[in-house]
Amino acid sequence: MNRKDAAIFLALSAIWGSSFLFIKLGLLGGFQPISLVTMRLLFGSTVMYLLMRRRGHTFAAARPFFASIAFLGFINNVVPFSLITWGEQYIDSGMASILNSIVPLFAVMLSHVALADERLTARRVAGVTLGFLGVLILFAPDLVFGSSPYRLAGQLAIVLASLSYAIGSVFARKRLIGIPAPVLTTTQLGFAFLWALVPAIVLEQPWQLNLTPMAWFSVLWLGVLGTGLAYLLFFTLIRNIGATPTTMVTYVIPVFAVTFGVIFLNESLHWTQFAAMALIFAGVWMVNRRK
């Protein structure tokens, strides 16, 4: 990896790591969860559409697969975005990022069932076990000493969001191979916006929200950078260094997210978070490691 690609890698990790911070700031600034997700998807899909058109793509390649892409937008964007945003009302942004890093553990289990070329091995089973032991360590203090049920529900929401991301990734690999990545991303974000729009209007009446400038800045950051620009950097890295090295962002995102939470939100660090990160990272490394 040359210096330029290393810089892109760190920028992508920092942008996605900062998403957990700006979700929290958006909530503190007055957004309700689904309304924040809807605005994020609106800005993100707009940016991706402009990027897609600049690269000369059209929706022609995606048109035969609209039904599958609509499902992908729901399971890979609306569900996890909403669960993470709802969960961050009750837990720290840093903890949310650590719990979200278990996506590859769910993915390897689902791939065993859905994909013929991704079978579980003893090493992968050990990696999954190790990773979920890390999740248990994060839950342990609240389970042992008692805590607000909303805090436990917030942690569980992030775990379910990770499962939803994993379902989306396996589904896309099984059903949507061959569609240019900018086209697939733009289309799925557009459908995701439509999925989220009606619940936001019916349940939260976003026009009645009293939003601060920080709330608007946060949702712009999440949409334009965290969803739009981040995908462009992601595609660039895959083209330059390959898919497997690019997935290493999984290890770096929580480091940025925890750091941002401590600096900007005065979130506290506990030894359980370091232990959980170590076990989850070790587990993810084991399930992704090639012979």
C-alpha atoms as a PDB file:
ATOM      1  CA  MET A   1       0.000   0.000   0.000  1.00  0.00           C
ATOM      2  CA  ASN A   2       1.549   3.297  -1.107  1.00  0.00           C
ATOM      3  CA  ARG A   3       1.214   6.584   0.772  1.00  0.00           C
ATOM      4  CA  LYS A   4      -1.748   7.787  -1.264  1.00  0.00           C
ATOM      5  CA  ASP A   5      -3.731   4.600  -0.651  1.00  0.00           C
ATOM      6  CA  ALA A   6      -2.740   4.632   3.020  1.00  0.00           C
ATOM      7  CA  ALA A   7      -4.067   8.194   3.295  1.00  0.00           C
ATOM      8  CA  ILE A   8      -7.332   7.159   1.620  1.00  0.00           C
ATOM      9  CA  PHE A   9      -7.581   4.172   3.969  1.00  0.00           C
ATOM     10  CA  LEU A  10      -7.150   6.359   7.055  1.00  0.00           C
ATOM     11  CA  ALA A  11      -9.575   8.972   5.708  1.00  0.00           C
ATOM     12  CA  LEU A  12     -12.222   6.310   5.107  1.00  0.00           C
ATOM     13  CA  SER A  13     -11.695   4.842   8.573  1.00  0.00           C
ATOM     14  CA  ALA A  14     -11.930   8.281  10.180  1.00  0.00           C
ATOM     15  CA  ILE A  15     -15.077   9.251   8.258  1.00  0.00           C
ATOM     16  CA  TRP A  16     -16.900   6.021   9.091  1.00  0.00           C
ATOM     17  CA  GLY A  17     -15.577   6.164  12.654  1.00  0.00           C
ATOM     18  CA  SER A  18     -16.883   9.714  13.017  1.00  0.00           C
ATOM     19  CA  SER A  19     -20.366   8.599  11.948  1.00  0.00           C
ATOM     20  CA  PHE A  20     -21.048   7.306  15.451  1.00  0.00           C
ATOM     21  CA  LEU A  21     -20.086  10.704  16.888  1.00  0.00           C
ATOM     22  CA  PHE A  22     -22.313  12.638  14.484  1.00  0.00           C
ATOM     23  CA  ILE A  23     -25.262  10.312  15.064  1.00  0.00           C
ATOM     24  CA  LYS A  24     -25.004  11.174  18.751  1.00  0.00           C
ATOM     25  CA  LEU A  25     -24.634  14.900  18.014  1.00  0.00           C
ATOM     26  CA  GLY A  26     -27.603  14.809  15.656  1.00  0.00           C
ATOM     27  CA  LEU A  27     -29.738  13.240  18.374  1.00  0.00           C
ATOM     28  CA  LEU A  28     -28.546  15.760  20.957  1.00  0.00           C
ATOM     29  CA  GLY A  29     -29.342  18.529  18.468  1.00  0.00           C
ATOM     30  CA  GLY A  30     -33.013  17.583  18.261  1.00  0.00           C
ATOM     31  CA  PHE A  31     -33.389  14.897  15.599  1.00  0.00           C
ATOM     32  CA  GLN A  32     -35.569  11.863  16.220  1.00  0.00           C
ATOM     33  CA  PRO A  33     -33.963   8.588  15.037  1.00  0.00           C
ATOM     34  CA  ILE A  34     -35.959   7.863  11.864  1.00  0.00           C
ATOM     35  CA  SER A  35     -35.952  11.512  10.787  1.00  0.00           C
ATOM     36  CA  LEU A  36     -32.172  11.631  11.114  1.00  0.00           C
ATOM     37  CA  VAL A  37     -31.852   8.432   9.081  1.00  0.00           C
ATOM     38  CA  THR A  38     -34.185   9.782   6.393  1.00  0.00           C
ATOM     39  CA  MET A  39     -32.243  13.025   5.965  1.00  0.00           C
ATOM     40  CA  ARG A  40     -28.956  11.108   5.950  1.00  0.00           C
ATOM     41  CA  LEU A  41     -30.255   8.882   3.155  1.00  0.00           C
ATOM     42  CA  LEU A  42     -31.552  11.868   1.190  1.00  0.00           C
ATOM     43  CA  PHE A  43     -28.165  13.610   1.213  1.00  0.00           C
ATOM     44  CA  GLY A  44     -26.245  10.368   0.688  1.00  0.00           C
ATOM     45  CA  SER A  45     -28.306   9.202  -2.277  1.00  0.00           C
ATOM     46  CA  THR A  46     -28.061  12.651  -3.881  1.00  0.00           C
ATOM     47  CA  VAL A  47     -24.267  12.693  -3.596  1.00  0.00           C
ATOM     48  CA  MET A  48     -23.985   9.133  -4.910  1.00  0.00           C
ATOM     49  CA  TYR A  49     -26.258   9.953  -7.863  1.00  0.00           C
ATOM     50  CA  LEU A  50     -24.013  12.863  -8.836  1.00  0.00           C
ATOM     51  CA  LEU A  51     -20.917  10.648  -8.513  1.00  0.00           C
ATOM     52  CA  MET A  52     -22.571   7.894 -10.532  1.00  0.00           C
ATOM     53  CA  ARG A  53     -23.494  10.254 -13.357  1.00  0.00           C
ATOM     54  CA  ARG A  54     -20.034  11.801 -13.369  1.00  0.00           C
ATOM     55  CA  ARG A  55     -18.576   8.350 -13.983  1.00  0.00           C
ATOM     56  CA  GLY A  56     -20.924   7.868 -16.934  1.00  0.00           C
ATOM     57  CA  HIS A  57     -23.226   5.249 -15.397  1.00  0.00           C
ATOM     58  CA  THR A  58     -27.003   5.005 -15.740  1.00  0.00           C
ATOM     59  CA  PHE A  59     -29.650   2.951 -13.955  1.00  0.00           C
ATOM     60  CA  ALA A  60     -29.917   0.538 -16.899  1.00  0.00           C
ATOM     61  CA  ALA A  61     -27.791  -2.153 -15.239  1.00  0.00           C
ATOM     62  CA  ALA A  62     -29.866  -2.027 -12.059  1.00  0.00           C
ATOM     63  CA  ARG A  63     -33.358  -1.875 -13.604  1.00  0.00           C
ATOM     64  CA  PRO A  64     -33.908  -5.668 -13.896  1.00  0.00           C
ATOM     65  CA  PHE A  65     -32.990  -6.033 -10.212  1.00  0.00           C
ATOM     66  CA  PHE A  66     -35.045  -3.208  -8.681  1.00  0.00           C
ATOM     67  CA  ALA A  67     -37.016  -5.549  -6.388  1.00  0.00           C
ATOM     68  CA  SER A  68     -33.843  -7.108  -4.959  1.00  0.00           C
ATOM     69  CA  ILE A  69     -32.141  -3.729  -4.596  1.00  0.00           C
ATOM     70  CA  ALA A  70     -35.214  -2.337  -2.830  1.00  0.00           C
ATOM     71  CA  PHE A  71     -34.903  -5.158  -0.297  1.00  0.00           C
ATOM     72  CA  LEU A  72     -31.181  -4.480   0.013  1.00  0.00           C
ATOM     73  CA  GLY A  73     -31.864  -0.808   0.749  1.00  0.00           C
ATOM     74  CA  PHE A  74     -34.215  -1.859   3.531  1.00  0.00           C
ATOM     75  CA  ILE A  75     -32.051  -4.536   5.158  1.00  0.00           C
ATOM     76  CA  ASN A  76     -28.642  -2.927   4.561  1.00  0.00           C
ATOM     77  CA  ASN A  77     -29.505   0.736   5.206  1.00  0.00           C
ATOM     78  CA  VAL A  78     -32.868   1.491   6.789  1.00  0.00           C
ATOM     79  CA  VAL A  79     -32.817  -1.258   9.416  1.00  0.00           C
ATOM     80  CA  PRO A  80     -29.193  -0.899  10.629  1.00  0.00           C
ATOM     81  CA  PHE A  81     -29.124   2.907  10.367  1.00  0.00           C
ATOM     82  CA  SER A  82     -32.345   3.102  12.407  1.00  0.00           C
ATOM     83  CA  LEU A  83     -31.237   0.564  15.013  1.00  0.00           C
ATOM     84  CA  ILE A  84     -27.852   2.217  15.521  1.00  0.00           C
ATOM     85  CA  THR A  85     -29.402   5.678  15.759  1.00  0.00           C
ATOM     86  CA  TRP A  86     -32.068   4.492  18.196  1.00  0.00           C
ATOM     87  CA  GLY A  87     -29.488   2.587  20.248  1.00  0.00           C
ATOM     88  CA  GLU A  88     -27.170   5.585  20.559  1.00  0.00           C
ATOM     89  CA  GLN A  89     -29.871   7.369  22.523  1.00  0.00           C
ATOM     90  CA  TYR A  90     -28.967   5.078  25.429  1.00  0.00           C
ATOM     91  CA  ILE A  91     -25.333   4.006  24.989  1.00  0.00           C
ATOM     92  CA  ASP A  92     -22.032   5.715  24.195  1.00  0.00           C
ATOM     93  CA  SER A  93     -21.009   6.172  20.577  1.00  0.00           C
ATOM     94  CA  GLY A  94     -17.739   4.317  21.233  1.00  0.00           C
ATOM     95  CA  MET A  95     -19.542   1.247  22.563  1.00  0.00           C
ATOM     96  CA  ALA A  96     -21.862   1.330  19.546  1.00  0.00           C
ATOM     97  CA  SER A  97     -18.871   1.242  17.198  1.00  0.00           C
ATOM     98  CA  ILE A  98     -17.316  -1.722  19.007  1.00  0.00           C
ATOM     99  CA  LEU A  99     -20.552  -3.712  18.876  1.00  0.00           C
ATOM    100  CA  ASN A 100     -20.987  -2.818  15.209  1.00  0.00           C
ATOM    101  CA  SER A 101     -17.588  -4.316  14.383  1.00  0.00           C
ATOM    102  CA  ILE A 102     -19.007  -7.856  14.752  1.00  0.00           C
ATOM    103  CA  VAL A 103     -20.598  -7.663  11.276  1.00  0.00           C
ATOM    104  CA  PRO A 104     -17.971 -10.047   9.764  1.00  0.00           C
ATOM    105  CA  LEU A 105     -18.750 -12.633  12.470  1.00  0.00           C
ATOM    106  CA  PHE A 106     -22.420 -12.724  11.508  1.00  0.00           C
ATOM    107  CA  ALA A 107     -21.491 -12.654   7.830  1.00  0.00           C
ATOM    108  CA  VAL A 108     -19.303 -15.748   8.021  1.00  0.00           C
ATOM    109  CA  MET A 109     -22.096 -17.716   9.722  1.00  0.00           C
ATOM    110  CA  LEU A 110     -24.706 -16.623   7.182  1.00  0.00           C
ATOM    111  CA  SER A 111     -22.311 -17.312   4.299  1.00  0.00           C
ATOM    112  CA  HIS A 112     -21.962 -20.908   5.470  1.00  0.00           C
ATOM    113  CA  VAL A 113     -25.696 -21.370   4.915  1.00  0.00           C
ATOM    114  CA  ALA A 114     -26.212 -19.223   1.825  1.00  0.00           C
ATOM    115  CA  LEU A 115     -22.964 -19.429  -0.163  1.00  0.00           C
ATOM    116  CA  ALA A 116     -21.451 -22.695  -1.313  1.00  0.00           C
ATOM    117  CA  ASP A 117     -17.888 -21.338  -1.424  1.00  0.00           C
ATOM    118  CA  GLU A 118     -17.853 -19.901   2.109  1.00  0.00           C
ATOM    119  CA  ARG A 119     -17.945 -22.835   4.495  1.00  0.00           C
ATOM    120  CA  LEU A 120     -17.323 -22.796   8.223  1.00  0.00           C
ATOM    121  CA  THR A 121     -14.049 -24.315   9.369  1.00  0.00           C
ATOM    122  CA  ALA A 122     -12.728 -25.029  12.832  1.00  0.00           C
ATOM    123  CA  ARG A 123     -10.679 -21.821  12.653  1.00  0.00           C
ATOM    124  CA  ARG A 124     -13.706 -19.746  11.687  1.00  0.00           C
ATOM    125  CA  VAL A 125     -15.836 -21.301  14.420  1.00  0.00           C
ATOM    126  CA  ALA A 126     -13.107 -20.428  16.916  1.00  0.00           C
ATOM    127  CA  GLY A 127     -12.995 -16.876  15.568  1.00  0.00           C
ATOM    128  CA  VAL A 128     -16.770 -16.449  15.865  1.00  0.00           C
ATOM    129  CA  THR A 129     -16.674 -17.830  19.412  1.00  0.00           C
ATOM    130  CA  LEU A 130     -13.865 -15.472  20.359  1.00  0.00           C
ATOM    131  CA  GLY A 131     -15.637 -12.456  18.870  1.00  0.00           C
ATOM    132  CA  PHE A 132     -18.921 -13.101  20.619  1.00  0.00           C
ATOM    133  CA  LEU A 133     -17.061 -13.619  23.875  1.00  0.00           C
ATOM    134  CA  GLY A 134     -15.953 -10.015  23.403  1.00  0.00           C
ATOM    135  CA  VAL A 135     -19.597  -8.975  22.961  1.00  0.00           C
ATOM    136  CA  LEU A 136     -20.493 -10.822  26.165  1.00  0.00           C
ATOM    137  CA  ILE A 137     -17.799  -8.888  28.034  1.00  0.00           C
ATOM    138  CA  LEU A 138     -19.413  -5.619  26.910  1.00  0.00           C
ATOM    139  CA  PHE A 139     -22.817  -6.791  28.123  1.00  0.00           C
ATOM    140  CA  ALA A 140     -21.511  -8.346  31.356  1.00  0.00           C
ATOM    141  CA  PRO A 141     -21.373  -5.249  33.625  1.00  0.00           C
ATOM    142  CA  ASP A 142     -25.008  -4.371  32.888  1.00  0.00           C
ATOM    143  CA  LEU A 143     -26.156  -7.982  33.222  1.00  0.00           C
ATOM    144  CA  VAL A 144     -24.282  -8.617  36.477  1.00  0.00           C
ATOM    145  CA  PHE A 145     -24.702  -5.320  38.301  1.00  0.00           C
ATOM    146  CA  GLY A 146     -27.993  -4.277  36.807  1.00  0.00           C
ATOM    147  CA  SER A 147     -28.627  -1.297  34.584  1.00  0.00           C
ATOM    148  CA  SER A 148     -31.321   0.630  32.815  1.00  0.00           C
ATOM    149  CA  PRO A 149     -33.305  -1.689  30.539  1.00  0.00           C
ATOM    150  CA  TYR A 150     -32.968   0.975  27.841  1.00  0.00           C
ATOM    151  CA  ARG A 151     -29.175   0.681  28.006  1.00  0.00           C
ATOM    152  CA  LEU A 152     -29.363  -3.079  27.477  1.00  0.00           C
ATOM    153  CA  ALA A 153     -31.891  -2.547  24.694  1.00  0.00           C
ATOM    154  CA  GLY A 154     -29.554  -0.006  23.092  1.00  0.00           C
ATOM    155  CA  GLN A 155     -26.695  -2.504  23.065  1.00  0.00           C
ATOM    156  CA  LEU A 156     -28.946  -5.222  21.672  1.00  0.00           C
ATOM    157  CA  ALA A 157     -30.101  -2.818  18.927  1.00  0.00           C
ATOM    158  CA  ILE A 158     -26.510  -2.403  17.715  1.00  0.00           C
ATOM    159  CA  VAL A 159     -26.017  -6.181  17.674  1.00  0.00           C
ATOM    160  CA  LEU A 160     -29.191  -6.561  15.585  1.00  0.00           C
ATOM    161  CA  ALA A 161     -27.956  -3.784  13.286  1.00  0.00           C
ATOM    162  CA  SER A 162     -24.744  -5.756  12.758  1.00  0.00           C
ATOM    163  CA  LEU A 163     -26.793  -8.840  11.887  1.00  0.00           C
ATOM    164  CA  SER A 164     -28.805  -6.760   9.412  1.00  0.00           C
ATOM    165  CA  TYR A 165     -25.618  -5.484   7.739  1.00  0.00           C
ATOM    166  CA  ALA A 166     -24.382  -9.072   7.444  1.00  0.00           C
ATOM    167  CA  ILE A 167     -27.646 -10.227   5.861  1.00  0.00           C
ATOM    168  CA  GLY A 168     -27.377  -7.368   3.381  1.00  0.00           C
ATOM    169  CA  SER A 169     -23.796  -8.180   2.408  1.00  0.00           C
ATOM    170  CA  VAL A 170     -24.505 -11.880   1.884  1.00  0.00           C
ATOM    171  CA  PHE A 171     -27.704 -11.121  -0.057  1.00  0.00           C
ATOM    172  CA  ALA A 172     -25.872  -8.663  -2.322  1.00  0.00           C
ATOM    173  CA  ARG A 173     -23.148 -11.192  -3.048  1.00  0.00           C
ATOM    174  CA  LYS A 174     -25.672 -13.919  -3.834  1.00  0.00           C
ATOM    175  CA  ARG A 175     -28.171 -11.897  -5.899  1.00  0.00           C
ATOM    176  CA  LEU A 176     -26.550  -8.698  -7.160  1.00  0.00           C
ATOM    177  CA  ILE A 177     -23.094  -9.591  -8.486  1.00  0.00           C
ATOM    178  CA  GLY A 178     -22.179  -7.759 -11.687  1.00  0.00           C
ATOM    179  CA  ILE A 179     -23.937  -4.443 -11.130  1.00  0.00           C
ATOM    180  CA  PRO A 180     -21.415  -1.563 -11.113  1.00  0.00           C
ATOM    181  CA  ALA A 181     -20.820  -0.557  -7.491  1.00  0.00           C
ATOM    182  CA  PRO A 182     -21.761   3.143  -7.915  1.00  0.00           C
ATOM    183  CA  VAL A 183     -25.034   2.147  -9.605  1.00  0.00           C
ATOM    184  CA  LEU A 184     -25.889  -0.434  -6.944  1.00  0.00           C
ATOM    185  CA  THR A 185     -25.086   1.952  -4.095  1.00  0.00           C
ATOM    186  CA  THR A 186     -27.019   4.871  -5.582  1.00  0.00           C
ATOM    187  CA  THR A 187     -30.062   2.723  -6.280  1.00  0.00           C
ATOM    188  CA  GLN A 188     -30.092   1.058  -2.871  1.00  0.00           C
ATOM    189  CA  LEU A 189     -29.742   4.408  -1.077  1.00  0.00           C
ATOM    190  CA  GLY A 190     -32.590   5.840  -3.159  1.00  0.00           C
ATOM    191  CA  PHE A 191     -34.876   2.953  -2.254  1.00  0.00           C
ATOM    192  CA  ALA A 192     -33.751   3.191   1.379  1.00  0.00           C
ATOM    193  CA  PHE A 193     -34.763   6.870   1.457  1.00  0.00           C
ATOM    194  CA  LEU A 194     -38.237   5.946   0.187  1.00  0.00           C
ATOM    195  CA  TRP A 195     -38.516   3.179   2.803  1.00  0.00           C
ATOM    196  CA  ALA A 196     -37.640   5.599   5.631  1.00  0.00           C
ATOM    197  CA  LEU A 197     -39.632   8.618   4.442  1.00  0.00           C
ATOM    198  CA  VAL A 198     -43.160   7.454   5.332  1.00  0.00           C
ATOM    199  CA  PRO A 199     -42.341   6.206   8.880  1.00  0.00           C
ATOM    200  CA  ALA A 200     -40.488   9.466   9.579  1.00  0.00           C
ATOM    201  CA  ILE A 201     -43.491  11.543   8.474  1.00  0.00           C
ATOM    202  CA  VAL A 202     -46.103   9.406  10.262  1.00  0.00           C
ATOM    203  CA  LEU A 203     -44.270   8.677  13.508  1.00  0.00           C
ATOM    204  CA  GLU A 204     -42.077  11.723  14.102  1.00  0.00           C
ATOM    205  CA  GLN A 205     -43.529  14.691  12.162  1.00  0.00           C
ATOM    206  CA  PRO A 206     -40.015  16.030  11.443  1.00  0.00           C
ATOM    207  CA  TRP A 207     -41.294  19.477  10.446  1.00  0.00           C
ATOM    208  CA  GLN A 208     -42.146  20.027  14.132  1.00  0.00           C
ATOM    209  CA  LEU A 209     -38.634  19.285  15.383  1.00  0.00           C
ATOM    210  CA  ASN A 210     -36.644  22.137  16.911  1.00  0.00           C
ATOM    211  CA  LEU A 211     -33.236  21.488  15.365  1.00  0.00           C
ATOM    212  CA  THR A 212     -29.962  23.167  16.259  1.00  0.00           C
ATOM    213  CA  PRO A 213     -27.275  24.134  13.720  1.00  0.00           C
ATOM    214  CA  MET A 214     -25.208  21.220  15.049  1.00  0.00           C
ATOM    215  CA  ALA A 215     -28.035  18.824  14.201  1.00  0.00           C
ATOM    216  CA  TRP A 216     -28.068  20.023  10.584  1.00  0.00           C
ATOM    217  CA  PHE A 217     -24.274  19.903  10.357  1.00  0.00           C
ATOM    218  CA  SER A 218     -24.320  16.358  11.734  1.00  0.00           C
ATOM    219  CA  VAL A 219     -26.858  15.046   9.241  1.00  0.00           C
ATOM    220  CA  LEU A 220     -25.036  16.756   6.365  1.00  0.00           C
ATOM    221  CA  TRP A 221     -21.793  15.133   7.513  1.00  0.00           C
ATOM    222  CA  LEU A 222     -23.477  11.728   7.766  1.00  0.00           C
ATOM    223  CA  GLY A 223     -25.066  12.017   4.337  1.00  0.00           C
ATOM    224  CA  VAL A 224     -22.445  13.804   2.247  1.00  0.00           C
ATOM    225  CA  LEU A 225     -19.292  12.359   3.827  1.00  0.00           C
ATOM    226  CA  GLY A 226     -20.339   9.315   5.852  1.00  0.00           C
ATOM    227  CA  THR A 227     -22.508   7.890   3.079  1.00  0.00           C
ATOM    228  CA  GLY A 228     -21.568   9.634  -0.201  1.00  0.00           C
ATOM    229  CA  LEU A 229     -17.840  10.398  -0.155  1.00  0.00           C
ATOM    230  CA  ALA A 230     -17.064   7.347   1.981  1.00  0.00           C
ATOM    231  CA  TYR A 231     -18.435   5.011  -0.694  1.00  0.00           C
ATOM    232  CA  LEU A 232     -16.316   6.737  -3.327  1.00  0.00           C
ATOM    233  CA  LEU A 233     -13.201   6.214  -1.180  1.00  0.00           C
ATOM    234  CA  PHE A 234     -14.272   2.624  -0.564  1.00  0.00           C
ATOM    235  CA  PHE A 235     -14.579   1.890  -4.297  1.00  0.00           C
ATOM    236  CA  THR A 236     -11.232   3.590  -4.927  1.00  0.00           C
ATOM    237  CA  LEU A 237      -9.483   1.404  -2.352  1.00  0.00           C
ATOM    238  CA  ILE A 238     -11.018  -1.791  -3.719  1.00  0.00           C
ATOM    239  CA  ARG A 239      -9.756  -0.860  -7.190  1.00  0.00           C
ATOM    240  CA  ASN A 240      -6.276   0.112  -5.946  1.00  0.00           C
ATOM    241  CA  ILE A 241      -5.458  -2.462  -3.265  1.00  0.00           C
ATOM    242  CA  GLY A 242      -8.168  -5.137  -3.533  1.00  0.00           C
ATOM    243  CA  ALA A 243     -11.229  -6.118  -1.530  1.00  0.00           C
ATOM    244  CA  THR A 244      -9.549  -8.069   1.258  1.00  0.00           C
ATOM    245  CA  PRO A 245      -7.093  -5.344   2.374  1.00  0.00           C
ATOM    246  CA  THR A 246      -9.919  -2.807   2.185  1.00  0.00           C
ATOM    247  CA  THR A 247     -11.958  -4.785   4.715  1.00  0.00           C
ATOM    248  CA  MET A 248      -9.235  -4.034   7.258  1.00  0.00           C
ATOM    249  CA  VAL A 249     -11.119  -0.786   7.942  1.00  0.00           C
ATOM    250  CA  THR A 250     -13.178  -3.017  10.249  1.00  0.00           C
ATOM    251  CA  TYR A 251     -10.316  -2.892  12.730  1.00  0.00           C
ATOM    252  CA  VAL A 252      -9.665   0.848  12.522  1.00  0.00           C
ATOM    253  CA  ILE A 253     -13.193   2.321  12.590  1.00  0.00           C
ATOM    254  CA  PRO A 254     -13.820   1.567  16.310  1.00  0.00           C
ATOM    255  CA  VAL A 255     -10.457   3.086  17.236  1.00  0.00           C
ATOM    256  CA  PHE A 256     -11.452   6.385  15.632  1.00  0.00           C
ATOM    257  CA  ALA A 257     -15.000   6.184  16.998  1.00  0.00           C
ATOM    258  CA  VAL A 258     -13.881   5.564  20.585  1.00  0.00           C
ATOM    259  CA  THR A 259     -11.284   8.338  20.346  1.00  0.00           C
ATOM    260  CA  PHE A 260     -13.821  10.837  18.981  1.00  0.00           C
ATOM    261  CA  GLY A 261     -16.295   9.873  21.699  1.00  0.00           C
ATOM    262  CA  VAL A 262     -13.744  10.492  24.442  1.00  0.00           C
ATOM    263  CA  ILE A 263     -12.538  13.811  22.992  1.00  0.00           C
ATOM    264  CA  PHE A 264     -15.808  15.409  21.869  1.00  0.00           C
ATOM    265  CA  LEU A 265     -18.457  13.737  24.042  1.00  0.00           C
ATOM    266  CA  ASN A 266     -16.467  13.146  27.241  1.00  0.00           C
ATOM    267  CA  GLU A 267     -17.303   9.452  27.071  1.00  0.00           C
ATOM    268  CA  SER A 268     -15.501   7.293  29.601  1.00  0.00           C
ATOM    269  CA  LEU A 269     -13.368   4.269  28.823  1.00  0.00           C
ATOM    270  CA  HIS A 270     -13.525   1.024  30.781  1.00  0.00           C
ATOM    271  CA  TRP A 271     -11.222  -1.962  30.711  1.00  0.00           C
ATOM    272  CA  THR A 272     -14.091  -4.095  29.374  1.00  0.00           C
ATOM    273  CA  GLN A 273     -14.120  -2.043  26.170  1.00  0.00           C
ATOM    274  CA  PHE A 274     -10.422  -2.700  25.533  1.00  0.00           C
ATOM    275  CA  ALA A 275     -10.857  -6.402  26.308  1.00  0.00           C
ATOM    276  CA  ALA A 276     -13.924  -6.634  24.055  1.00  0.00           C
ATOM    277  CA  MET A 277     -12.149  -4.870  21.180  1.00  0.00           C
ATOM    278  CA  ALA A 278      -9.173  -7.213  21.466  1.00  0.00           C
ATOM    279  CA  LEU A 279     -11.364 -10.325  21.388  1.00  0.00           C
ATOM    280  CA  ILE A 280     -13.617  -9.071  18.588  1.00  0.00           C
ATOM    281  CA  PHE A 281     -10.661  -7.992  16.449  1.00  0.00           C
ATOM    282  CA  ALA A 282      -8.961 -11.345  17.035  1.00  0.00           C
ATOM    283  CA  GLY A 283     -12.157 -13.147  16.072  1.00  0.00           C
ATOM    284  CA  VAL A 284     -12.660 -11.080  12.911  1.00  0.00           C
ATOM    285  CA  TRP A 285      -9.026 -11.683  11.941  1.00  0.00           C
ATOM    286  CA  MET A 286      -9.458 -15.437  12.375  1.00  0.00           C
ATOM    287  CA  VAL A 287     -12.629 -15.671  10.255  1.00  0.00           C
ATOM    288  CA  ASN A 288     -11.095 -13.550   7.466  1.00  0.00           C
ATOM    289  CA  ARG A 289      -7.625 -15.097   7.502  1.00  0.00           C
ATOM    290  CA  ARG A 290      -6.696 -17.141   4.472  1.00  0.00           C
ATOM    291  CA  LYS A 291      -4.641 -20.314   4.665  1.00  0.00           C
END
